[in-house]
Amino acid sequence: MTDLIYEGYFALFLIITLGIMLGNVKFKGFSLDLSAVVFVALIMGHYGIMVP
């Protein structure tokens, strides 16, 4: 499973999916919308997951 997360297409799919899911969460009328994808990509990049 850990090798699968470092595959390019799977990592890209995971970043976009988690970003959209996080963007749909509303907290007191505030949501990140599509900018959540950028935040998820930054967090995953911090942990060494890169898309070639």
PDB file of N, CA and C in Angstrom:
ATOM      1  N   MET A   1       0.824  -1.199   0.000  1.00  0.00           N
ATOM      2  CA  MET A   1       0.000   0.000   0.000  1.00  0.00           C
ATOM      3  C   MET A   1       0.863   1.255   0.000  1.00  0.00           C
ATOM      4  N   THR A   2       1.982   1.232   0.683  1.00  0.00           N
ATOM      5  CA  THR A   2       2.806   2.442   0.735  1.00  0.00           C
ATOM      6  C   THR A   2       3.436   2.738  -0.613  1.00  0.00           C
ATOM      7  N   ASP A   3       3.699   1.715  -1.435  1.00  0.00           N
ATOM      8  CA  ASP A   3       4.237   1.968  -2.770  1.00  0.00           C
ATOM      9  C   ASP A   3       3.174   2.566  -3.685  1.00  0.00           C
ATOM     10  N   LEU A   4       1.926   2.223  -3.449  1.00  0.00           N
ATOM     11  CA  LEU A   4       0.844   2.729  -4.281  1.00  0.00           C
ATOM     12  C   LEU A   4       0.659   4.233  -4.112  1.00  0.00           C
ATOM     13  N   ILE A   5       0.863   4.746  -2.925  1.00  0.00           N
ATOM     14  CA  ILE A   5       0.650   6.174  -2.680  1.00  0.00           C
ATOM     15  C   ILE A   5       1.701   7.026  -3.390  1.00  0.00           C
ATOM     16  N   TYR A   6       2.843   6.455  -3.734  1.00  0.00           N
ATOM     17  CA  TYR A   6       3.893   7.198  -4.422  1.00  0.00           C
ATOM     18  C   TYR A   6       3.771   7.128  -5.945  1.00  0.00           C
ATOM     19  N   GLU A   7       2.781   6.421  -6.450  1.00  0.00           N
ATOM     20  CA  GLU A   7       2.527   6.412  -7.891  1.00  0.00           C
ATOM     21  C   GLU A   7       1.909   7.747  -8.286  1.00  0.00           C
ATOM     22  N   GLY A   8       2.290   8.262  -9.431  1.00  0.00           N
ATOM     23  CA  GLY A   8       1.890   9.597  -9.851  1.00  0.00           C
ATOM     24  C   GLY A   8       0.394   9.815  -9.962  1.00  0.00           C
ATOM     25  N   TYR A   9      -0.289   8.958 -10.707  1.00  0.00           N
ATOM     26  CA  TYR A   9      -1.722   9.158 -10.915  1.00  0.00           C
ATOM     27  C   TYR A   9      -2.519   8.937  -9.640  1.00  0.00           C
ATOM     28  N   PHE A  10      -2.120   7.965  -8.854  1.00  0.00           N
ATOM     29  CA  PHE A  10      -2.849   7.701  -7.611  1.00  0.00           C
ATOM     30  C   PHE A  10      -2.676   8.847  -6.629  1.00  0.00           C
ATOM     31  N   ALA A  11      -1.467   9.390  -6.535  1.00  0.00           N
ATOM     32  CA  ALA A  11      -1.231  10.517  -5.634  1.00  0.00           C
ATOM     33  C   ALA A  11      -2.030  11.733  -6.082  1.00  0.00           C
ATOM     34  N   LEU A  12      -2.083  11.989  -7.373  1.00  0.00           N
ATOM     35  CA  LEU A  12      -2.851  13.118  -7.896  1.00  0.00           C
ATOM     36  C   LEU A  12      -4.342  12.932  -7.624  1.00  0.00           C
ATOM     37  N   PHE A  13      -4.850  11.730  -7.855  1.00  0.00           N
ATOM     38  CA  PHE A  13      -6.251  11.431  -7.576  1.00  0.00           C
ATOM     39  C   PHE A  13      -6.560  11.601  -6.098  1.00  0.00           C
ATOM     40  N   LEU A  14      -5.660  11.143  -5.237  1.00  0.00           N
ATOM     41  CA  LEU A  14      -5.856  11.245  -3.796  1.00  0.00           C
ATOM     42  C   LEU A  14      -5.863  12.701  -3.338  1.00  0.00           C
ATOM     43  N   ILE A  15      -4.962  13.511  -3.864  1.00  0.00           N
ATOM     44  CA  ILE A  15      -4.898  14.927  -3.498  1.00  0.00           C
ATOM     45  C   ILE A  15      -6.172  15.649  -3.907  1.00  0.00           C
ATOM     46  N   ILE A  16      -6.625  15.419  -5.129  1.00  0.00           N
ATOM     47  CA  ILE A  16      -7.834  16.090  -5.611  1.00  0.00           C
ATOM     48  C   ILE A  16      -9.063  15.622  -4.840  1.00  0.00           C
ATOM     49  N   THR A  17      -9.173  14.322  -4.601  1.00  0.00           N
ATOM     50  CA  THR A  17     -10.333  13.787  -3.890  1.00  0.00           C
ATOM     51  C   THR A  17     -10.401  14.301  -2.463  1.00  0.00           C
ATOM     52  N   LEU A  18      -9.292  14.241  -1.736  1.00  0.00           N
ATOM     53  CA  LEU A  18      -9.295  14.731  -0.362  1.00  0.00           C
ATOM     54  C   LEU A  18      -9.534  16.233  -0.306  1.00  0.00           C
ATOM     55  N   GLY A  19      -8.999  16.967  -1.276  1.00  0.00           N
ATOM     56  CA  GLY A  19      -9.204  18.409  -1.316  1.00  0.00           C
ATOM     57  C   GLY A  19     -10.651  18.783  -1.544  1.00  0.00           C
ATOM     58  N   ILE A  20     -11.314  18.090  -2.445  1.00  0.00           N
ATOM     59  CA  ILE A  20     -12.722  18.378  -2.704  1.00  0.00           C
ATOM     60  C   ILE A  20     -13.580  17.991  -1.505  1.00  0.00           C
ATOM     61  N   MET A  21     -13.258  16.861  -0.873  1.00  0.00           N
ATOM     62  CA  MET A  21     -14.009  16.461   0.317  1.00  0.00           C
ATOM     63  C   MET A  21     -13.827  17.474   1.440  1.00  0.00           C
ATOM     64  N   LEU A  22     -12.605  17.931   1.653  1.00  0.00           N
ATOM     65  CA  LEU A  22     -12.341  18.916   2.692  1.00  0.00           C
ATOM     66  C   LEU A  22     -12.972  20.263   2.343  1.00  0.00           C
ATOM     67  N   GLY A  23     -13.003  20.593   1.076  1.00  0.00           N
ATOM     68  CA  GLY A  23     -13.603  21.852   0.644  1.00  0.00           C
ATOM     69  C   GLY A  23     -15.100  21.908   0.814  1.00  0.00           C
ATOM     70  N   ASN A  24     -15.752  20.762   0.855  1.00  0.00           N
ATOM     71  CA  ASN A  24     -17.202  20.726   1.040  1.00  0.00           C
ATOM     72  C   ASN A  24     -17.626  20.871   2.491  1.00  0.00           C
ATOM     73  N   VAL A  25     -16.693  20.755   3.419  1.00  0.00           N
ATOM     74  CA  VAL A  25     -17.013  20.871   4.841  1.00  0.00           C
ATOM     75  C   VAL A  25     -17.195  22.344   5.185  1.00  0.00           C
ATOM     76  N   LYS A  26     -18.327  22.651   5.808  1.00  0.00           N
ATOM     77  CA  LYS A  26     -18.595  24.028   6.234  1.00  0.00           C
ATOM     78  C   LYS A  26     -18.531  24.101   7.748  1.00  0.00           C
ATOM     79  N   PHE A  27     -17.868  25.129   8.233  1.00  0.00           N
ATOM     80  CA  PHE A  27     -17.741  25.346   9.666  1.00  0.00           C
ATOM     81  C   PHE A  27     -18.152  26.779   9.954  1.00  0.00           C
ATOM     82  N   LYS A  28     -19.296  26.947  10.584  1.00  0.00           N
ATOM     83  CA  LYS A  28     -19.855  28.264  10.905  1.00  0.00           C
ATOM     84  C   LYS A  28     -19.978  29.140   9.660  1.00  0.00           C
ATOM     85  N   GLY A  29     -20.426  28.568   8.568  1.00  0.00           N
ATOM     86  CA  GLY A  29     -20.617  29.313   7.335  1.00  0.00           C
ATOM     87  C   GLY A  29     -19.355  29.538   6.531  1.00  0.00           C
ATOM     88  N   PHE A  30     -18.239  28.974   6.936  1.00  0.00           N
ATOM     89  CA  PHE A  30     -16.958  29.144   6.255  1.00  0.00           C
ATOM     90  C   PHE A  30     -16.522  27.818   5.662  1.00  0.00           C
ATOM     91  N   SER A  31     -16.105  27.844   4.406  1.00  0.00           N
ATOM     92  CA  SER A  31     -15.557  26.645   3.780  1.00  0.00           C
ATOM     93  C   SER A  31     -14.400  27.051   2.865  1.00  0.00           C
ATOM     94  N   LEU A  32     -13.516  26.121   2.601  1.00  0.00           N
ATOM     95  CA  LEU A  32     -12.344  26.402   1.776  1.00  0.00           C
ATOM     96  C   LEU A  32     -12.620  26.240   0.286  1.00  0.00           C
ATOM     97  N   ASP A  33     -13.694  25.579  -0.058  1.00  0.00           N
ATOM     98  CA  ASP A  33     -14.055  25.293  -1.445  1.00  0.00           C
ATOM     99  C   ASP A  33     -12.893  24.621  -2.178  1.00  0.00           C
ATOM    100  N   LEU A  34     -12.560  25.061  -3.382  1.00  0.00           N
ATOM    101  CA  LEU A  34     -11.523  24.394  -4.171  1.00  0.00           C
ATOM    102  C   LEU A  34     -10.106  24.729  -3.719  1.00  0.00           C
ATOM    103  N   SER A  35      -9.943  25.765  -2.906  1.00  0.00           N
ATOM    104  CA  SER A  35      -8.601  26.066  -2.404  1.00  0.00           C
ATOM    105  C   SER A  35      -8.117  25.001  -1.421  1.00  0.00           C
ATOM    106  N   ALA A  36      -9.009  24.150  -0.949  1.00  0.00           N
ATOM    107  CA  ALA A  36      -8.619  23.053  -0.070  1.00  0.00           C
ATOM    108  C   ALA A  36      -7.714  22.068  -0.799  1.00  0.00           C
ATOM    109  N   VAL A  37      -7.841  21.969  -2.118  1.00  0.00           N
ATOM    110  CA  VAL A  37      -6.978  21.081  -2.907  1.00  0.00           C
ATOM    111  C   VAL A  37      -5.522  21.543  -2.777  1.00  0.00           C
ATOM    112  N   VAL A  38      -5.304  22.841  -2.804  1.00  0.00           N
ATOM    113  CA  VAL A  38      -3.949  23.374  -2.666  1.00  0.00           C
ATOM    114  C   VAL A  38      -3.389  23.064  -1.279  1.00  0.00           C
ATOM    115  N   PHE A  39      -4.207  23.217  -0.253  1.00  0.00           N
ATOM    116  CA  PHE A  39      -3.748  22.933   1.100  1.00  0.00           C
ATOM    117  C   PHE A  39      -3.423  21.452   1.290  1.00  0.00           C
ATOM    118  N   VAL A  40      -4.238  20.586   0.722  1.00  0.00           N
ATOM    119  CA  VAL A  40      -3.962  19.143   0.801  1.00  0.00           C
ATOM    120  C   VAL A  40      -2.673  18.822   0.057  1.00  0.00           C
ATOM    121  N   ALA A  41      -2.453  19.439  -1.104  1.00  0.00           N
ATOM    122  CA  ALA A  41      -1.221  19.206  -1.866  1.00  0.00           C
ATOM    123  C   ALA A  41      -0.007  19.682  -1.087  1.00  0.00           C
ATOM    124  N   LEU A  42      -0.125  20.810  -0.398  1.00  0.00           N
ATOM    125  CA  LEU A  42       0.993  21.300   0.422  1.00  0.00           C
ATOM    126  C   LEU A  42       1.306  20.355   1.566  1.00  0.00           C
ATOM    127  N   ILE A  43       0.267  19.838   2.200  1.00  0.00           N
ATOM    128  CA  ILE A  43       0.465  18.914   3.322  1.00  0.00           C
ATOM    129  C   ILE A  43       1.090  17.607   2.836  1.00  0.00           C
ATOM    130  N   MET A  44       0.604  17.077   1.721  1.00  0.00           N
ATOM    131  CA  MET A  44       1.163  15.823   1.203  1.00  0.00           C
ATOM    132  C   MET A  44       2.585  16.027   0.690  1.00  0.00           C
ATOM    133  N   GLY A  45       2.871  17.181   0.132  1.00  0.00           N
ATOM    134  CA  GLY A  45       4.228  17.479  -0.292  1.00  0.00           C
ATOM    135  C   GLY A  45       5.183  17.587   0.881  1.00  0.00           C
ATOM    136  N   HIS A  46       4.682  18.075   1.989  1.00  0.00           N
ATOM    137  CA  HIS A  46       5.503  18.157   3.196  1.00  0.00           C
ATOM    138  C   HIS A  46       5.937  16.764   3.658  1.00  0.00           C
ATOM    139  N   TYR A  47       5.075  15.795   3.486  1.00  0.00           N
ATOM    140  CA  TYR A  47       5.383  14.422   3.898  1.00  0.00           C
ATOM    141  C   TYR A  47       6.093  13.614   2.801  1.00  0.00           C
ATOM    142  N   GLY A  48       6.504  14.274   1.736  1.00  0.00           N
ATOM    143  CA  GLY A  48       7.346  13.613   0.726  1.00  0.00           C
ATOM    144  C   GLY A  48       6.610  12.966  -0.415  1.00  0.00           C
ATOM    145  N   ILE A  49       5.338  13.177  -0.562  1.00  0.00           N
ATOM    146  CA  ILE A  49       4.581  12.605  -1.670  1.00  0.00           C
ATOM    147  C   ILE A  49       4.618  13.615  -2.812  1.00  0.00           C
ATOM    148  N   MET A  50       5.246  13.214  -3.924  1.00  0.00           N
ATOM    149  CA  MET A  50       5.403  14.114  -5.058  1.00  0.00           C
ATOM    150  C   MET A  50       4.811  13.490  -6.313  1.00  0.00           C
ATOM    151  N   VAL A  51       4.269  14.338  -7.164  1.00  0.00           N
ATOM    152  CA  VAL A  51       3.728  13.892  -8.449  1.00  0.00           C
ATOM    153  C   VAL A  51       4.747  14.285  -9.513  1.00  0.00           C
ATOM    154  N   PRO A  52       5.293  13.305 -10.245  1.00  0.00           N
ATOM    155  CA  PRO A  52       6.316  13.645 -11.237  1.00  0.00           C
ATOM    156  C   PRO A  52       5.750  14.416 -12.424  1.00  0.00           C
TER     157      PRO A  52
END
